[in-house]
PDB file of N, CA and C in Angstrom:
ATOM      1  N   UNK A   1       0.780  -1.555   0.034  1.00  0.00           N
ATOM      2  CA  UNK A   1      -0.078   0.007   0.022  1.00  0.00           C
ATOM      3  C   UNK A   1       0.880   1.343  -0.135  1.00  0.00           C
ATOM      4  N   UNK A   2       1.225   1.934   1.170  1.00  0.00           N
ATOM      5  CA  UNK A   2       1.539   3.038   0.886  1.00  0.00           C
ATOM      6  C   UNK A   2       2.981   2.859   2.017  1.00  0.00           C
ATOM      7  N   UNK A   3       3.397   1.690   2.335  1.00  0.00           N
ATOM      8  CA  UNK A   3       4.667   1.398   2.907  1.00  0.00           C
ATOM      9  C   UNK A   3       4.282   1.240   4.493  1.00  0.00           C
ATOM     10  N   UNK A   4       3.266   1.259   4.959  1.00  0.00           N
ATOM     11  CA  UNK A   4       3.263   1.251   5.992  1.00  0.00           C
ATOM     12  C   UNK A   4       2.999  -0.430   7.048  1.00  0.00           C
ATOM     13  N   UNK A   5       3.073   0.067   8.132  1.00  0.00           N
ATOM     14  CA  UNK A   5       3.303  -1.894   8.933  1.00  0.00           C
ATOM     15  C   UNK A   5       2.275  -2.251   8.733  1.00  0.00           C
ATOM     16  N   UNK A   6       2.177  -3.626   9.682  1.00  0.00           N
ATOM     17  CA  UNK A   6       1.420  -4.708   9.032  1.00  0.00           C
ATOM     18  C   UNK A   6       0.071  -4.239  10.012  1.00  0.00           C
ATOM     19  N   UNK A   7       0.341  -3.271  11.383  1.00  0.00           N
ATOM     20  CA  UNK A   7      -0.684  -2.746  12.120  1.00  0.00           C
ATOM     21  C   UNK A   7      -1.503  -1.969  11.575  1.00  0.00           C
ATOM     22  N   UNK A   8      -0.802  -1.087  10.858  1.00  0.00           N
ATOM     23  CA  UNK A   8      -1.870  -0.100   9.770  1.00  0.00           C
ATOM     24  C   UNK A   8      -3.066  -0.923   9.006  1.00  0.00           C
ATOM     25  N   UNK A   9      -2.736  -1.727   8.353  1.00  0.00           N
ATOM     26  CA  UNK A   9      -3.176  -2.369   7.466  1.00  0.00           C
ATOM     27  C   UNK A   9      -4.467  -3.332   8.237  1.00  0.00           C
ATOM     28  N   UNK A  10      -4.052  -3.894   9.665  1.00  0.00           N
ATOM     29  CA  UNK A  10      -5.019  -4.625  10.528  1.00  0.00           C
ATOM     30  C   UNK A  10      -6.228  -3.414  10.938  1.00  0.00           C
ATOM     31  N   UNK A  11      -5.753  -2.583  11.079  1.00  0.00           N
ATOM     32  CA  UNK A  11      -6.828  -1.433  11.464  1.00  0.00           C
ATOM     33  C   UNK A  11      -7.556  -1.068  10.761  1.00  0.00           C
ATOM     34  N   UNK A  12      -6.809  -0.473   8.958  1.00  0.00           N
ATOM     35  CA  UNK A  12      -7.781  -0.256   8.135  1.00  0.00           C
ATOM     36  C   UNK A  12      -8.636  -1.652   7.739  1.00  0.00           C
ATOM     37  N   UNK A  13      -8.273  -2.453   7.622  1.00  0.00           N
ATOM     38  CA  UNK A  13      -8.949  -3.706   7.479  1.00  0.00           C
ATOM     39  C   UNK A  13     -10.126  -3.468   8.222  1.00  0.00           C
ATOM     40  N   UNK A  14     -10.337  -3.459   9.802  1.00  0.00           N
ATOM     41  CA  UNK A  14     -11.670  -3.485  10.580  1.00  0.00           C
ATOM     42  C   UNK A  14     -12.139  -2.201  10.585  1.00  0.00           C
ATOM     43  N   UNK A  15     -11.780  -1.045   9.960  1.00  0.00           N
ATOM     44  CA  UNK A  15     -12.570   0.190   9.361  1.00  0.00           C
ATOM     45  C   UNK A  15     -13.222  -0.027   8.148  1.00  0.00           C
ATOM     46  N   UNK A  16     -12.866  -0.838   7.359  1.00  0.00           N
ATOM     47  CA  UNK A  16     -13.247  -1.038   6.044  1.00  0.00           C
ATOM     48  C   UNK A  16     -14.455  -2.290   6.096  1.00  0.00           C
ATOM     49  N   UNK A  17     -14.147  -2.851   6.962  1.00  0.00           N
ATOM     50  CA  UNK A  17     -15.163  -3.776   7.428  1.00  0.00           C
ATOM     51  C   UNK A  17     -16.766  -3.065   7.907  1.00  0.00           C
ATOM     52  N   UNK A  18     -16.410  -2.183   8.782  1.00  0.00           N
ATOM     53  CA  UNK A  18     -17.349  -1.785   9.567  1.00  0.00           C
ATOM     54  C   UNK A  18     -18.063  -1.071   8.637  1.00  0.00           C
ATOM     55  N   UNK A  19     -17.189  -0.417   7.571  1.00  0.00           N
ATOM     56  CA  UNK A  19     -18.079   0.941   6.411  1.00  0.00           C
ATOM     57  C   UNK A  19     -18.816   0.163   6.063  1.00  0.00           C
ATOM     58  N   UNK A  20     -18.260  -1.381   5.225  1.00  0.00           N
ATOM     59  CA  UNK A  20     -18.907  -2.175   4.202  1.00  0.00           C
ATOM     60  C   UNK A  20     -20.493  -2.650   5.190  1.00  0.00           C
ATOM     61  N   UNK A  21     -20.199  -2.684   6.669  1.00  0.00           N
ATOM     62  CA  UNK A  21     -21.589  -3.289   7.204  1.00  0.00           C
ATOM     63  C   UNK A  21     -22.443  -2.289   7.440  1.00  0.00           C
ATOM     64  N   UNK A  22     -21.955  -1.275   7.464  1.00  0.00           N
ATOM     65  CA  UNK A  22     -22.916   0.138   7.506  1.00  0.00           C
ATOM     66  C   UNK A  22     -23.700   0.091   5.885  1.00  0.00           C
ATOM     67  N   UNK A  23     -22.986   0.232   5.258  1.00  0.00           N
ATOM     68  CA  UNK A  23     -23.689   0.620   3.774  1.00  0.00           C
ATOM     69  C   UNK A  23     -24.694  -0.385   3.531  1.00  0.00           C
ATOM     70  N   UNK A  24     -24.363  -1.877   3.712  1.00  0.00           N
ATOM     71  CA  UNK A  24     -25.226  -3.063   3.668  1.00  0.00           C
ATOM     72  C   UNK A  24     -26.303  -2.764   4.539  1.00  0.00           C
ATOM     73  N   UNK A  25     -26.546  -2.007   5.658  1.00  0.00           N
ATOM     74  CA  UNK A  25     -27.491  -1.903   6.501  1.00  0.00           C
ATOM     75  C   UNK A  25     -28.294  -0.639   5.965  1.00  0.00           C
ATOM     76  N   UNK A  26     -27.711   0.431   5.402  1.00  0.00           N
ATOM     77  CA  UNK A  26     -28.344   1.212   4.985  1.00  0.00           C
ATOM     78  C   UNK A  26     -29.253   1.368   3.756  1.00  0.00           C
ATOM     79  N   UNK A  27     -28.272   0.130   3.053  1.00  0.00           N
ATOM     80  CA  UNK A  27     -29.234  -0.465   1.713  1.00  0.00           C
ATOM     81  C   UNK A  27     -30.541  -0.948   1.974  1.00  0.00           C
ATOM     82  N   UNK A  28     -30.249  -1.826   2.774  1.00  0.00           N
ATOM     83  CA  UNK A  28     -31.662  -2.607   3.506  1.00  0.00           C
ATOM     84  C   UNK A  28     -32.746  -1.893   3.973  1.00  0.00           C
ATOM     85  N   UNK A  29     -32.483  -0.495   4.962  1.00  0.00           N
ATOM     86  CA  UNK A  29     -33.530   0.484   5.233  1.00  0.00           C
ATOM     87  C   UNK A  29     -33.945   0.988   3.967  1.00  0.00           C
ATOM     88  N   UNK A  30     -33.458   1.437   2.825  1.00  0.00           N
ATOM     89  CA  UNK A  30     -33.508   1.855   1.805  1.00  0.00           C
ATOM     90  C   UNK A  30     -34.512   1.354   0.890  1.00  0.00           C
ATOM     91  N   UNK A  31     -34.183   0.246   0.656  1.00  0.00           N
ATOM     92  CA  UNK A  31     -35.161  -0.942  -0.255  1.00  0.00           C
ATOM     93  C   UNK A  31     -36.643  -0.892   0.451  1.00  0.00           C
ATOM     94  N   UNK A  32     -36.386  -1.378   2.012  1.00  0.00           N
ATOM     95  CA  UNK A  32     -37.669  -1.653   2.928  1.00  0.00           C
ATOM     96  C   UNK A  32     -38.541  -0.276   2.756  1.00  0.00           C
ATOM     97  N   UNK A  33     -38.060   1.103   2.793  1.00  0.00           N
ATOM     98  CA  UNK A  33     -38.773   2.065   2.365  1.00  0.00           C
ATOM     99  C   UNK A  33     -39.176   2.768   1.281  1.00  0.00           C
ATOM    100  N   UNK A  34     -38.660   2.194   0.289  1.00  0.00           N
ATOM    101  CA  UNK A  34     -39.319   2.136  -1.010  1.00  0.00           C
ATOM    102  C   UNK A  34     -39.991   1.225  -0.922  1.00  0.00           C
ATOM    103  N   UNK A  35     -40.142   0.169  -0.704  1.00  0.00           N
ATOM    104  CA  UNK A  35     -41.401  -1.177  -0.613  1.00  0.00           C
ATOM    105  C   UNK A  35     -42.844  -0.223  -0.212  1.00  0.00           C
ATOM    106  N   UNK A  36     -42.607   0.292   1.106  1.00  0.00           N
ATOM    107  CA  UNK A  36     -43.589   1.036   1.511  1.00  0.00           C
ATOM    108  C   UNK A  36     -44.159   1.761   0.877  1.00  0.00           C
ATOM    109  N   UNK A  37     -43.233   2.559   0.243  1.00  0.00           N
ATOM    110  CA  UNK A  37     -43.719   3.777  -0.280  1.00  0.00           C
ATOM    111  C   UNK A  37     -44.550   3.516  -1.497  1.00  0.00           C
ATOM    112  N   UNK A  38     -44.009   2.558  -2.256  1.00  0.00           N
ATOM    113  CA  UNK A  38     -44.592   1.834  -3.449  1.00  0.00           C
ATOM    114  C   UNK A  38     -46.158   1.380  -3.257  1.00  0.00           C
ATOM    115  N   UNK A  39     -46.418   0.703  -2.099  1.00  0.00           N
ATOM    116  CA  UNK A  39     -47.605   0.093  -1.774  1.00  0.00           C
ATOM    117  C   UNK A  39     -48.308   1.561  -1.448  1.00  0.00           C
ATOM    118  N   UNK A  40     -47.793   2.544  -0.730  1.00  0.00           N
ATOM    119  CA  UNK A  40     -48.794   3.379  -0.406  1.00  0.00           C
ATOM    120  C   UNK A  40     -49.062   4.113  -1.654  1.00  0.00           C
ATOM    121  N   UNK A  41     -48.400   4.467  -2.709  1.00  0.00           N
ATOM    122  CA  UNK A  41     -48.715   4.693  -3.947  1.00  0.00           C
ATOM    123  C   UNK A  41     -49.715   4.151  -4.538  1.00  0.00           C
ATOM    124  N   UNK A  42     -49.451   2.732  -4.584  1.00  0.00           N
ATOM    125  CA  UNK A  42     -50.888   1.537  -5.091  1.00  0.00           C
ATOM    126  C   UNK A  42     -52.091   2.237  -4.172  1.00  0.00           C
ATOM    127  N   UNK A  43     -51.927   2.168  -2.954  1.00  0.00           N
ATOM    128  CA  UNK A  43     -52.982   2.390  -2.065  1.00  0.00           C
ATOM    129  C   UNK A  43     -53.936   3.847  -2.557  1.00  0.00           C
ATOM    130  N   UNK A  44     -52.961   4.885  -3.103  1.00  0.00           N
ATOM    131  CA  UNK A  44     -53.605   6.248  -3.143  1.00  0.00           C
ATOM    132  C   UNK A  44     -54.093   6.242  -4.417  1.00  0.00           C
ATOM    133  N   UNK A  45     -53.413   5.687  -5.530  1.00  0.00           N
ATOM    134  CA  UNK A  45     -53.799   5.348  -6.513  1.00  0.00           C
ATOM    135  C   UNK A  45     -55.165   4.731  -6.738  1.00  0.00           C
ATOM    136  N   UNK A  46     -55.238   3.523  -5.778  1.00  0.00           N
ATOM    137  CA  UNK A  46     -56.556   2.610  -6.016  1.00  0.00           C
ATOM    138  C   UNK A  46     -57.548   3.550  -5.178  1.00  0.00           C
ATOM    139  N   UNK A  47     -57.376   4.720  -4.118  1.00  0.00           N
ATOM    140  CA  UNK A  47     -58.398   5.344  -3.634  1.00  0.00           C
ATOM    141  C   UNK A  47     -58.805   6.440  -4.533  1.00  0.00           C
ATOM    142  N   UNK A  48     -57.804   7.090  -5.216  1.00  0.00           N
ATOM    143  CA  UNK A  48     -58.130   8.280  -6.318  1.00  0.00           C
ATOM    144  C   UNK A  48     -58.893   7.576  -7.015  1.00  0.00           C
ATOM    145  N   UNK A  49     -58.425   6.938  -7.929  1.00  0.00           N
ATOM    146  CA  UNK A  49     -59.389   6.019  -9.478  1.00  0.00           C
ATOM    147  C   UNK A  49     -60.541   5.552  -9.073  1.00  0.00           C
ATOM    148  N   UNK A  50     -60.823   4.667  -7.933  1.00  0.00           N
ATOM    149  CA  UNK A  50     -61.825   4.133  -7.450  1.00  0.00           C
ATOM    150  C   UNK A  50     -61.604   2.497  -7.748  1.00  0.00           C
ATOM    151  N   UNK A  51     -60.524   2.077  -8.141  1.00  0.00           N
ATOM    152  CA  UNK A  51     -60.624   0.671  -8.857  1.00  0.00           C
ATOM    153  C   UNK A  51     -60.806  -0.357  -7.335  1.00  0.00           C
ATOM    154  N   UNK A  52     -61.848  -1.257  -7.711  1.00  0.00           N
ATOM    155  CA  UNK A  52     -61.990  -2.389  -6.663  1.00  0.00           C
ATOM    156  C   UNK A  52     -61.392  -3.607  -6.834  1.00  0.00           C
ATOM    157  N   UNK A  53     -60.401  -3.715  -7.962  1.00  0.00           N
ATOM    158  CA  UNK A  53     -60.161  -4.788  -8.168  1.00  0.00           C
ATOM    159  C   UNK A  53     -58.800  -5.335  -7.743  1.00  0.00           C
ATOM    160  N   UNK A  54     -57.831  -4.306  -7.284  1.00  0.00           N
ATOM    161  CA  UNK A  54     -56.568  -4.378  -6.454  1.00  0.00           C
ATOM    162  C   UNK A  54     -56.801  -4.136  -5.396  1.00  0.00           C
ATOM    163  N   UNK A  55     -57.017  -5.037  -4.277  1.00  0.00           N
ATOM    164  CA  UNK A  55     -57.378  -4.830  -2.882  1.00  0.00           C
ATOM    165  C   UNK A  55     -56.058  -4.975  -2.034  1.00  0.00           C
ATOM    166  N   UNK A  56     -55.390  -3.691  -1.830  1.00  0.00           N
ATOM    167  CA  UNK A  56     -54.212  -3.696  -1.291  1.00  0.00           C
ATOM    168  C   UNK A  56     -54.174  -3.769   0.144  1.00  0.00           C
ATOM    169  N   UNK A  57     -55.822  -3.931   0.912  1.00  0.00           N
ATOM    170  CA  UNK A  57     -56.000  -4.164   2.186  1.00  0.00           C
ATOM    171  C   UNK A  57     -55.996  -5.527   2.353  1.00  0.00           C
ATOM    172  N   UNK A  58     -55.953  -6.770   1.666  1.00  0.00           N
ATOM    173  CA  UNK A  58     -55.599  -8.031   1.780  1.00  0.00           C
ATOM    174  C   UNK A  58     -54.161  -8.358   2.161  1.00  0.00           C
ATOM    175  N   UNK A  59     -54.005  -9.033   3.021  1.00  0.00           N
ATOM    176  CA  UNK A  59     -52.520  -9.262   3.421  1.00  0.00           C
ATOM    177  C   UNK A  59     -51.905 -10.056   2.501  1.00  0.00           C
ATOM    178  N   UNK A  60     -53.038 -11.116   1.958  1.00  0.00           N
ATOM    179  CA  UNK A  60     -52.096 -11.793   0.972  1.00  0.00           C
ATOM    180  C   UNK A  60     -52.075 -11.316  -0.408  1.00  0.00           C
ATOM    181  N   UNK A  61     -52.820 -10.053  -0.669  1.00  0.00           N
ATOM    182  CA  UNK A  61     -52.314  -9.540  -1.838  1.00  0.00           C
ATOM    183  C   UNK A  61     -51.000  -8.966  -1.653  1.00  0.00           C
ATOM    184  N   UNK A  62     -50.471  -8.320  -0.487  1.00  0.00           N
ATOM    185  CA  UNK A  62     -49.706  -7.598  -0.049  1.00  0.00           C
ATOM    186  C   UNK A  62     -48.523  -8.451  -0.072  1.00  0.00           C
ATOM    187  N   UNK A  63     -48.680  -9.705   0.436  1.00  0.00           N
ATOM    188  CA  UNK A  63     -47.549 -10.481   0.790  1.00  0.00           C
ATOM    189  C   UNK A  63     -47.107 -11.035  -0.901  1.00  0.00           C
ATOM    190  N   UNK A  64     -48.242 -11.240  -1.739  1.00  0.00           N
ATOM    191  CA  UNK A  64     -47.937 -11.811  -3.065  1.00  0.00           C
ATOM    192  C   UNK A  64     -47.440 -10.592  -3.661  1.00  0.00           C
ATOM    193  N   UNK A  65     -47.207  -9.312  -3.387  1.00  0.00           N
ATOM    194  CA  UNK A  65     -46.477  -8.273  -4.245  1.00  0.00           C
ATOM    195  C   UNK A  65     -45.242  -8.371  -3.535  1.00  0.00           C
ATOM    196  N   UNK A  66     -44.811  -8.652  -2.664  1.00  0.00           N
ATOM    197  CA  UNK A  66     -43.557  -8.779  -1.684  1.00  0.00           C
ATOM    198  C   UNK A  66     -43.159  -9.786  -2.480  1.00  0.00           C
ATOM    199  N   UNK A  67     -43.534 -11.046  -2.377  1.00  0.00           N
ATOM    200  CA  UNK A  67     -42.957 -12.009  -2.804  1.00  0.00           C
ATOM    201  C   UNK A  67     -43.122 -12.184  -4.617  1.00  0.00           C
ATOM    202  N   UNK A  68     -43.420 -11.355  -4.887  1.00  0.00           N
ATOM    203  CA  UNK A  68     -43.432 -11.298  -6.773  1.00  0.00           C
ATOM    204  C   UNK A  68     -42.414 -10.211  -7.040  1.00  0.00           C
ATOM    205  N   UNK A  69     -42.244  -9.153  -5.945  1.00  0.00           N
ATOM    206  CA  UNK A  69     -40.990  -8.496  -6.298  1.00  0.00           C
ATOM    207  C   UNK A  69     -39.502  -9.190  -6.190  1.00  0.00           C
ATOM    208  N   UNK A  70     -39.972 -10.170  -5.194  1.00  0.00           N
ATOM    209  CA  UNK A  70     -38.497 -10.660  -4.791  1.00  0.00           C
ATOM    210  C   UNK A  70     -37.898 -11.783  -5.773  1.00  0.00           C
ATOM    211  N   UNK A  71     -38.746 -12.244  -6.419  1.00  0.00           N
ATOM    212  CA  UNK A  71     -38.547 -13.257  -7.492  1.00  0.00           C
ATOM    213  C   UNK A  71     -37.219 -12.843  -8.655  1.00  0.00           C
ATOM    214  N   UNK A  72     -37.560 -11.885  -9.114  1.00  0.00           N
ATOM    215  CA  UNK A  72     -36.207 -11.408 -10.269  1.00  0.00           C
ATOM    216  C   UNK A  72     -34.959 -11.568  -9.150  1.00  0.00           C
ATOM    217  N   UNK A  73     -35.079 -10.935  -8.075  1.00  0.00           N
ATOM    218  CA  UNK A  73     -33.549 -10.905  -7.781  1.00  0.00           C
ATOM    219  C   UNK A  73     -33.214 -12.174  -7.145  1.00  0.00           C
ATOM    220  N   UNK A  74     -34.498 -12.916  -6.403  1.00  0.00           N
ATOM    221  CA  UNK A  74     -33.572 -14.219  -5.860  1.00  0.00           C
ATOM    222  C   UNK A  74     -33.624 -15.229  -7.379  1.00  0.00           C
ATOM    223  N   UNK A  75     -33.786 -15.274  -8.283  1.00  0.00           N
ATOM    224  CA  UNK A  75     -33.351 -16.131  -9.813  1.00  0.00           C
ATOM    225  C   UNK A  75     -32.095 -15.515 -10.185  1.00  0.00           C
ATOM    226  N   UNK A  76     -31.651 -14.221 -10.029  1.00  0.00           N
ATOM    227  CA  UNK A  76     -30.652 -13.873 -10.406  1.00  0.00           C
ATOM    228  C   UNK A  76     -29.480 -13.846  -9.288  1.00  0.00           C
ATOM    229  N   UNK A  77     -29.856 -13.845  -8.064  1.00  0.00           N
ATOM    230  CA  UNK A  77     -28.527 -14.344  -7.695  1.00  0.00           C
ATOM    231  C   UNK A  77     -27.965 -15.847  -7.603  1.00  0.00           C
ATOM    232  N   UNK A  78     -29.367 -16.753  -7.866  1.00  0.00           N
ATOM    233  CA  UNK A  78     -28.889 -18.214  -8.197  1.00  0.00           C
ATOM    234  C   UNK A  78     -27.926 -18.020  -9.617  1.00  0.00           C
ATOM    235  N   UNK A  79     -28.302 -17.453 -10.587  1.00  0.00           N
ATOM    236  CA  UNK A  79     -27.719 -17.566 -11.674  1.00  0.00           C
ATOM    237  C   UNK A  79     -26.446 -17.228 -11.711  1.00  0.00           C
ATOM    238  N   UNK A  80     -26.245 -15.847 -10.837  1.00  0.00           N
ATOM    239  CA  UNK A  80     -24.804 -15.571 -10.279  1.00  0.00           C
ATOM    240  C   UNK A  80     -24.117 -16.039  -9.547  1.00  0.00           C
ATOM    241  N   UNK A  81     -24.316 -16.740  -8.662  1.00  0.00           N
ATOM    242  CA  UNK A  81     -23.905 -17.855  -7.522  1.00  0.00           C
ATOM    243  C   UNK A  81     -23.201 -19.071  -8.494  1.00  0.00           C
ATOM    244  N   UNK A  82     -24.323 -19.585  -9.581  1.00  0.00           N
ATOM    245  CA  UNK A  82     -24.092 -20.653 -10.455  1.00  0.00           C
ATOM    246  C   UNK A  82     -22.929 -20.367 -11.229  1.00  0.00           C
ATOM    247  N   UNK A  83     -22.997 -19.542 -12.111  1.00  0.00           N
ATOM    248  CA  UNK A  83     -21.772 -18.850 -12.629  1.00  0.00           C
ATOM    249  C   UNK A  83     -20.643 -18.643 -12.161  1.00  0.00           C
ATOM    250  N   UNK A  84     -20.676 -18.740 -10.689  1.00  0.00           N
ATOM    251  CA  UNK A  84     -19.458 -18.265 -10.492  1.00  0.00           C
ATOM    252  C   UNK A  84     -18.705 -19.362  -9.423  1.00  0.00           C
ATOM    253  N   UNK A  85     -19.183 -20.958  -9.934  1.00  0.00           N
ATOM    254  CA  UNK A  85     -18.782 -22.191  -9.432  1.00  0.00           C
ATOM    255  C   UNK A  85     -17.890 -22.706 -10.557  1.00  0.00           C
ATOM    256  N   UNK A  86     -16.767 -23.299 -10.390  1.00  0.00           N
ATOM    257  CA  UNK A  86     -15.938 -23.743 -11.624  1.00  0.00           C
ATOM    258  C   UNK A  86     -16.837 -24.919 -12.061  1.00  0.00           C
ATOM    259  N   UNK A  87     -16.366 -25.314 -13.608  1.00  0.00           N
ATOM    260  CA  UNK A  87     -17.284 -26.453 -14.018  1.00  0.00           C
ATOM    261  C   UNK A  87     -16.511 -27.677 -13.754  1.00  0.00           C
ATOM    262  N   UNK A  88     -17.520 -28.918 -13.363  1.00  0.00           N
ATOM    263  CA  UNK A  88     -16.602 -30.015 -13.073  1.00  0.00           C
ATOM    264  C   UNK A  88     -16.342 -31.121 -13.814  1.00  0.00           C
ATOM    265  N   UNK A  89     -15.413 -31.575 -13.839  1.00  0.00           N
ATOM    266  CA  UNK A  89     -14.898 -32.554 -15.044  1.00  0.00           C
ATOM    267  C   UNK A  89     -15.692 -33.915 -14.872  1.00  0.00           C
TER     268      UNK A  89
END
């Protein structure tokens, strides 16, 4: 790095790990708040237009929206994880 000792590297690695953890937690909060905002927008749209087909007050519908929203990320992560593995002979 900058020619500093192993003790400096040890400390900077710990600080880097804390920073990465903090960033990951912040992203989790951001994703959760975005999901709640999207549901609130759906509910406001439904109330404004008078649509009766989409009932966001039904917990099964809300759970389905969350699970359906997770599916592309789930399958993408499986594909990335699989492509990272070496091919067996």
